[in-house]
């Protein structure tokens, strides 16, 4: 029987070689190769992380922070290279979510069967 970790590493390798990952890497490299694009993208990511941290810690997000985040989002959405990067990231996330559903299917089947038997 194959080692489950060997299979996981094979899955990682397949993901790295996938069209979705390759397209994401190309888009990322393009953004990072231009200093103004890189700075704009890093500002966007920093804004996202700051707001996520505040949310996770239960802190209130001020109106000023919301407005700043909205303006940063609008700015990056207007930048074609960053917009493409975000689009490619979404495509890869879709693949990862689908793979995650496949991986967790045994648990869903197990617990789903128990739930059905109890009814």
N, C-alpha and C. Protein backbone atom coordinates (compact mmCIF):
# COMPACT_ATOMS: atom_id res chain seq x y z
N UNK A 1 0.85 -1.19 0.00
CA UNK A 1 0.00 0.00 0.00
C UNK A 1 0.89 1.25 0.00
N UNK A 2 0.52 2.24 -0.77
CA UNK A 2 1.30 3.47 -0.88
C UNK A 2 1.20 4.28 0.41
N UNK A 3 2.29 4.92 0.75
CA UNK A 3 2.32 5.80 1.90
C UNK A 3 1.52 7.06 1.56
N UNK A 4 0.63 7.44 2.44
CA UNK A 4 -0.24 8.60 2.19
C UNK A 4 0.57 9.88 1.99
N UNK A 5 1.71 9.99 2.66
CA UNK A 5 2.54 11.17 2.51
C UNK A 5 3.20 11.21 1.13
N UNK A 6 3.56 10.04 0.61
CA UNK A 6 4.10 9.98 -0.75
C UNK A 6 3.05 10.49 -1.74
N UNK A 7 1.81 10.09 -1.52
CA UNK A 7 0.72 10.56 -2.39
C UNK A 7 0.53 12.07 -2.27
N UNK A 8 0.67 12.58 -1.05
CA UNK A 8 0.53 14.02 -0.84
C UNK A 8 1.63 14.78 -1.57
N UNK A 9 2.85 14.26 -1.54
CA UNK A 9 3.95 14.91 -2.25
C UNK A 9 3.76 14.83 -3.77
N UNK A 10 3.18 13.75 -4.23
CA UNK A 10 2.85 13.63 -5.66
C UNK A 10 1.79 14.66 -6.05
N UNK A 11 0.84 14.87 -5.15
CA UNK A 11 -0.20 15.87 -5.39
C UNK A 11 0.41 17.27 -5.43
N UNK A 12 1.35 17.53 -4.52
CA UNK A 12 2.04 18.83 -4.53
C UNK A 12 2.76 19.04 -5.86
N UNK A 13 3.45 18.01 -6.30
CA UNK A 13 4.18 18.07 -7.57
C UNK A 13 3.22 18.33 -8.73
N UNK A 14 2.10 17.65 -8.73
CA UNK A 14 1.10 17.84 -9.78
C UNK A 14 0.56 19.26 -9.76
N UNK A 15 0.35 19.79 -8.57
CA UNK A 15 -0.14 21.17 -8.43
C UNK A 15 0.88 22.16 -8.97
N UNK A 16 2.15 21.96 -8.63
CA UNK A 16 3.20 22.85 -9.13
C UNK A 16 3.33 22.81 -10.65
N UNK A 17 3.02 21.68 -11.24
CA UNK A 17 3.12 21.53 -12.69
C UNK A 17 1.81 21.83 -13.42
N UNK A 18 0.79 22.18 -12.67
CA UNK A 18 -0.52 22.44 -13.29
C UNK A 18 -0.52 23.74 -14.08
N UNK A 19 -1.42 23.80 -15.03
CA UNK A 19 -1.60 25.02 -15.84
C UNK A 19 -1.97 26.20 -14.95
N UNK A 20 -2.80 25.95 -13.95
CA UNK A 20 -3.26 27.02 -13.06
C UNK A 20 -2.11 27.62 -12.26
N UNK A 21 -1.25 26.75 -11.72
CA UNK A 21 -0.11 27.26 -10.94
C UNK A 21 0.89 27.98 -11.83
N UNK A 22 1.15 27.41 -12.99
CA UNK A 22 2.10 28.03 -13.92
C UNK A 22 1.62 29.42 -14.33
N UNK A 23 0.33 29.55 -14.62
CA UNK A 23 -0.23 30.85 -14.99
C UNK A 23 -0.14 31.83 -13.83
N UNK A 24 -0.39 31.34 -12.61
CA UNK A 24 -0.29 32.20 -11.43
C UNK A 24 1.16 32.66 -11.24
N UNK A 25 2.10 31.76 -11.36
CA UNK A 25 3.51 32.11 -11.18
C UNK A 25 3.95 33.12 -12.23
N UNK A 26 3.52 32.94 -13.47
CA UNK A 26 3.86 33.89 -14.53
C UNK A 26 3.29 35.28 -14.22
N UNK A 27 2.04 35.32 -13.78
CA UNK A 27 1.40 36.59 -13.45
C UNK A 27 2.09 37.25 -12.26
N UNK A 28 2.46 36.44 -11.26
CA UNK A 28 3.16 36.95 -10.09
C UNK A 28 4.53 37.52 -10.47
N UNK A 29 5.26 36.77 -11.28
CA UNK A 29 6.58 37.23 -11.72
C UNK A 29 6.48 38.55 -12.50
N UNK A 30 5.44 38.68 -13.31
CA UNK A 30 5.26 39.91 -14.08
C UNK A 30 5.02 41.10 -13.16
N UNK A 31 4.17 40.91 -12.15
CA UNK A 31 3.90 41.99 -11.19
C UNK A 31 5.16 42.34 -10.41
N UNK A 32 5.89 41.33 -9.97
CA UNK A 32 7.09 41.57 -9.16
C UNK A 32 8.25 42.17 -9.95
N UNK A 33 8.22 42.04 -11.27
CA UNK A 33 9.31 42.58 -12.09
C UNK A 33 9.19 44.08 -12.33
N UNK A 34 8.04 44.65 -12.03
CA UNK A 34 7.83 46.09 -12.20
C UNK A 34 7.71 46.72 -10.81
N UNK A 35 8.59 47.64 -10.49
CA UNK A 35 8.66 48.18 -9.13
C UNK A 35 7.35 48.84 -8.68
N UNK A 36 6.70 49.58 -9.55
CA UNK A 36 5.46 50.24 -9.13
C UNK A 36 4.33 49.23 -8.93
N UNK A 37 4.26 48.22 -9.80
CA UNK A 37 3.26 47.16 -9.64
C UNK A 37 3.52 46.39 -8.35
N UNK A 38 4.78 46.08 -8.12
CA UNK A 38 5.17 45.33 -6.93
C UNK A 38 4.76 46.09 -5.67
N UNK A 39 5.05 47.39 -5.62
CA UNK A 39 4.72 48.20 -4.44
C UNK A 39 3.20 48.27 -4.24
N UNK A 40 2.48 48.46 -5.33
CA UNK A 40 1.02 48.54 -5.25
C UNK A 40 0.45 47.22 -4.73
N UNK A 41 0.95 46.10 -5.23
CA UNK A 41 0.48 44.79 -4.81
C UNK A 41 0.83 44.53 -3.34
N UNK A 42 2.02 44.90 -2.93
CA UNK A 42 2.42 44.70 -1.53
C UNK A 42 1.58 45.56 -0.59
N UNK A 43 1.25 46.77 -1.00
CA UNK A 43 0.36 47.63 -0.20
C UNK A 43 -1.02 46.97 -0.06
N UNK A 44 -1.51 46.43 -1.15
CA UNK A 44 -2.80 45.75 -1.15
C UNK A 44 -2.77 44.56 -0.19
N UNK A 45 -1.73 43.74 -0.28
CA UNK A 45 -1.63 42.56 0.59
C UNK A 45 -1.51 42.97 2.06
N UNK A 46 -0.73 44.01 2.32
CA UNK A 46 -0.56 44.47 3.70
C UNK A 46 -1.90 44.96 4.26
N UNK A 47 -2.64 45.69 3.47
CA UNK A 47 -3.96 46.17 3.89
C UNK A 47 -4.88 44.99 4.19
N UNK A 48 -4.88 43.99 3.31
CA UNK A 48 -5.69 42.79 3.52
C UNK A 48 -5.33 42.09 4.83
N UNK A 49 -4.04 41.88 5.04
CA UNK A 49 -3.58 41.16 6.23
C UNK A 49 -3.93 41.92 7.51
N UNK A 50 -3.77 43.22 7.48
CA UNK A 50 -4.07 44.04 8.65
C UNK A 50 -5.54 43.92 9.02
N UNK A 51 -6.41 44.03 8.02
CA UNK A 51 -7.85 43.92 8.28
C UNK A 51 -8.23 42.52 8.74
N UNK A 52 -7.64 41.50 8.16
CA UNK A 52 -7.93 40.12 8.57
C UNK A 52 -7.49 39.87 10.01
N UNK A 53 -6.34 40.39 10.38
CA UNK A 53 -5.85 40.23 11.76
C UNK A 53 -6.82 40.89 12.73
N UNK A 54 -7.25 42.09 12.39
CA UNK A 54 -8.18 42.80 13.27
C UNK A 54 -9.49 42.02 13.41
N UNK A 55 -9.98 41.49 12.30
CA UNK A 55 -11.21 40.71 12.34
C UNK A 55 -11.04 39.48 13.22
N UNK A 56 -9.94 38.77 13.04
CA UNK A 56 -9.70 37.54 13.79
C UNK A 56 -9.55 37.82 15.29
N UNK A 57 -9.06 38.98 15.63
CA UNK A 57 -8.88 39.35 17.03
C UNK A 57 -10.12 40.02 17.60
N UNK A 58 -11.16 40.14 16.78
CA UNK A 58 -12.40 40.73 17.24
C UNK A 58 -12.35 42.24 17.39
N UNK A 59 -11.34 42.85 16.79
CA UNK A 59 -11.23 44.30 16.86
C UNK A 59 -12.13 44.95 15.82
N UNK A 60 -12.60 46.13 16.16
CA UNK A 60 -13.46 46.85 15.23
C UNK A 60 -12.61 47.53 14.16
N UNK A 61 -13.13 47.51 12.95
CA UNK A 61 -12.45 48.15 11.83
C UNK A 61 -13.09 49.51 11.62
N UNK A 62 -12.25 50.53 11.65
CA UNK A 62 -12.78 51.90 11.55
C UNK A 62 -13.27 52.20 10.14
N UNK A 63 -14.09 53.21 10.03
CA UNK A 63 -14.61 53.66 8.73
C UNK A 63 -13.45 54.10 7.83
N UNK A 64 -12.47 54.73 8.45
CA UNK A 64 -11.29 55.19 7.70
C UNK A 64 -10.53 54.00 7.10
N UNK A 65 -10.40 52.93 7.88
CA UNK A 65 -9.71 51.74 7.38
C UNK A 65 -10.50 51.08 6.24
N UNK A 66 -11.80 51.06 6.37
CA UNK A 66 -12.66 50.49 5.32
C UNK A 66 -12.51 51.29 4.03
N UNK A 67 -12.54 52.62 4.15
CA UNK A 67 -12.40 53.48 2.98
C UNK A 67 -11.02 53.29 2.33
N UNK A 68 -9.98 53.19 3.15
CA UNK A 68 -8.63 52.99 2.62
C UNK A 68 -8.57 51.65 1.88
N UNK A 69 -9.13 50.62 2.47
CA UNK A 69 -9.11 49.29 1.84
C UNK A 69 -9.86 49.32 0.51
N UNK A 70 -10.99 50.00 0.48
CA UNK A 70 -11.77 50.08 -0.76
C UNK A 70 -10.99 50.81 -1.85
N UNK A 71 -10.31 51.87 -1.48
CA UNK A 71 -9.54 52.61 -2.49
C UNK A 71 -8.36 51.79 -2.99
N UNK A 72 -7.72 51.03 -2.11
CA UNK A 72 -6.60 50.18 -2.51
C UNK A 72 -7.11 49.09 -3.46
N UNK A 73 -8.26 48.50 -3.14
CA UNK A 73 -8.85 47.46 -4.00
C UNK A 73 -9.18 48.04 -5.37
N UNK A 74 -9.79 49.19 -5.40
CA UNK A 74 -10.14 49.81 -6.68
C UNK A 74 -8.89 50.09 -7.51
N UNK A 75 -7.86 50.53 -6.84
CA UNK A 75 -6.60 50.84 -7.52
C UNK A 75 -5.98 49.58 -8.14
N UNK A 76 -5.90 48.49 -7.38
CA UNK A 76 -5.29 47.28 -7.92
C UNK A 76 -6.16 46.62 -8.99
N UNK A 77 -7.47 46.77 -8.88
CA UNK A 77 -8.36 46.20 -9.89
C UNK A 77 -8.20 46.91 -11.24
N UNK A 78 -7.77 48.15 -11.20
CA UNK A 78 -7.57 48.91 -12.44
C UNK A 78 -6.22 48.61 -13.08
N UNK A 79 -5.33 47.98 -12.33
CA UNK A 79 -4.01 47.65 -12.85
C UNK A 79 -4.11 46.30 -13.56
N UNK A 80 -3.89 46.25 -14.87
CA UNK A 80 -4.11 45.00 -15.61
C UNK A 80 -3.27 43.82 -15.13
N UNK A 81 -2.01 44.05 -14.78
CA UNK A 81 -1.16 42.94 -14.35
C UNK A 81 -1.59 42.40 -12.99
N UNK A 82 -1.93 43.28 -12.07
CA UNK A 82 -2.36 42.84 -10.74
C UNK A 82 -3.74 42.19 -10.84
N UNK A 83 -4.59 42.75 -11.66
CA UNK A 83 -5.91 42.16 -11.87
C UNK A 83 -5.78 40.74 -12.42
N UNK A 84 -4.86 40.55 -13.36
CA UNK A 84 -4.61 39.22 -13.93
C UNK A 84 -4.07 38.28 -12.86
N UNK A 85 -3.18 38.76 -12.01
CA UNK A 85 -2.64 37.96 -10.92
C UNK A 85 -3.76 37.49 -9.99
N UNK A 86 -4.65 38.39 -9.63
CA UNK A 86 -5.76 38.04 -8.75
C UNK A 86 -6.70 37.03 -9.41
N UNK A 87 -6.90 37.18 -10.69
CA UNK A 87 -7.73 36.25 -11.46
C UNK A 87 -7.11 34.85 -11.47
N UNK A 88 -5.81 34.79 -11.69
CA UNK A 88 -5.11 33.50 -11.72
C UNK A 88 -5.08 32.86 -10.32
N UNK A 89 -4.96 33.68 -9.31
CA UNK A 89 -4.99 33.17 -7.93
C UNK A 89 -6.35 32.53 -7.64
N UNK A 90 -7.40 33.17 -8.11
CA UNK A 90 -8.75 32.64 -7.91
C UNK A 90 -8.92 31.30 -8.63
N UNK A 91 -8.37 31.19 -9.84
CA UNK A 91 -8.44 29.93 -10.58
C UNK A 91 -7.74 28.81 -9.81
N UNK A 92 -6.57 29.09 -9.26
CA UNK A 92 -5.84 28.08 -8.50
C UNK A 92 -6.59 27.73 -7.22
N UNK A 93 -7.15 28.72 -6.55
CA UNK A 93 -7.93 28.47 -5.33
C UNK A 93 -9.12 27.56 -5.62
N UNK A 94 -9.73 27.71 -6.78
CA UNK A 94 -10.85 26.85 -7.16
C UNK A 94 -10.37 25.40 -7.26
N UNK A 95 -9.23 25.20 -7.90
CA UNK A 95 -8.66 23.84 -8.03
C UNK A 95 -8.37 23.28 -6.64
N UNK A 96 -7.73 24.06 -5.78
CA UNK A 96 -7.37 23.60 -4.44
C UNK A 96 -8.63 23.25 -3.64
N UNK A 97 -9.67 24.06 -3.75
CA UNK A 97 -10.92 23.75 -3.05
C UNK A 97 -11.55 22.46 -3.56
N UNK A 98 -11.50 22.24 -4.86
CA UNK A 98 -12.05 21.00 -5.42
C UNK A 98 -11.25 19.79 -4.96
N UNK A 99 -9.93 19.91 -4.92
CA UNK A 99 -9.08 18.82 -4.44
C UNK A 99 -9.36 18.57 -2.96
N UNK A 100 -9.53 19.62 -2.20
CA UNK A 100 -9.84 19.48 -0.78
C UNK A 100 -11.16 18.72 -0.57
N UNK A 101 -12.14 19.00 -1.39
CA UNK A 101 -13.42 18.28 -1.30
C UNK A 101 -13.22 16.80 -1.59
N UNK A 102 -12.37 16.49 -2.56
CA UNK A 102 -12.09 15.09 -2.89
C UNK A 102 -11.39 14.40 -1.72
N UNK A 103 -10.41 15.09 -1.14
CA UNK A 103 -9.63 14.52 -0.04
C UNK A 103 -10.50 14.27 1.19
N UNK A 104 -11.43 15.17 1.47
CA UNK A 104 -12.25 15.03 2.67
C UNK A 104 -13.50 14.17 2.44
N UNK A 105 -13.67 13.66 1.23
CA UNK A 105 -14.85 12.83 0.92
C UNK A 105 -15.01 11.63 1.85
N UNK A 106 -13.93 10.91 2.21
CA UNK A 106 -14.12 9.78 3.14
C UNK A 106 -14.74 10.21 4.48
N UNK A 107 -14.34 11.37 4.97
CA UNK A 107 -14.92 11.86 6.23
C UNK A 107 -16.39 12.23 6.04
N UNK A 108 -16.67 12.89 4.94
CA UNK A 108 -18.06 13.25 4.66
C UNK A 108 -18.93 12.00 4.52
N UNK A 109 -18.39 11.00 3.84
CA UNK A 109 -19.14 9.74 3.68
C UNK A 109 -19.36 9.08 5.04
N UNK A 110 -18.32 9.04 5.86
CA UNK A 110 -18.42 8.42 7.17
C UNK A 110 -19.45 9.12 8.05
N UNK A 111 -19.30 10.41 8.19
CA UNK A 111 -20.22 11.14 9.06
C UNK A 111 -21.58 11.31 8.43
N UNK A 112 -21.64 11.42 7.12
CA UNK A 112 -22.92 11.51 6.43
C UNK A 112 -23.72 10.24 6.60
N UNK A 113 -23.06 9.07 6.56
CA UNK A 113 -23.72 7.78 6.74
C UNK A 113 -24.27 7.67 8.15
N UNK A 114 -23.48 8.11 9.15
CA UNK A 114 -23.95 8.06 10.53
C UNK A 114 -25.18 8.92 10.72
N UNK A 115 -25.15 10.13 10.16
CA UNK A 115 -26.28 11.04 10.29
C UNK A 115 -27.54 10.43 9.69
N UNK A 116 -27.40 9.77 8.53
CA UNK A 116 -28.55 9.19 7.85
C UNK A 116 -29.10 8.02 8.66
N UNK A 117 -28.23 7.23 9.31
CA UNK A 117 -28.69 6.07 10.08
C UNK A 117 -29.46 6.52 11.32
N UNK A 118 -29.10 7.67 11.89
CA UNK A 118 -29.76 8.17 13.09
C UNK A 118 -31.15 8.70 12.79
N UNK A 119 -31.41 9.07 11.56
CA UNK A 119 -32.71 9.68 11.22
C UNK A 119 -33.78 8.67 11.06
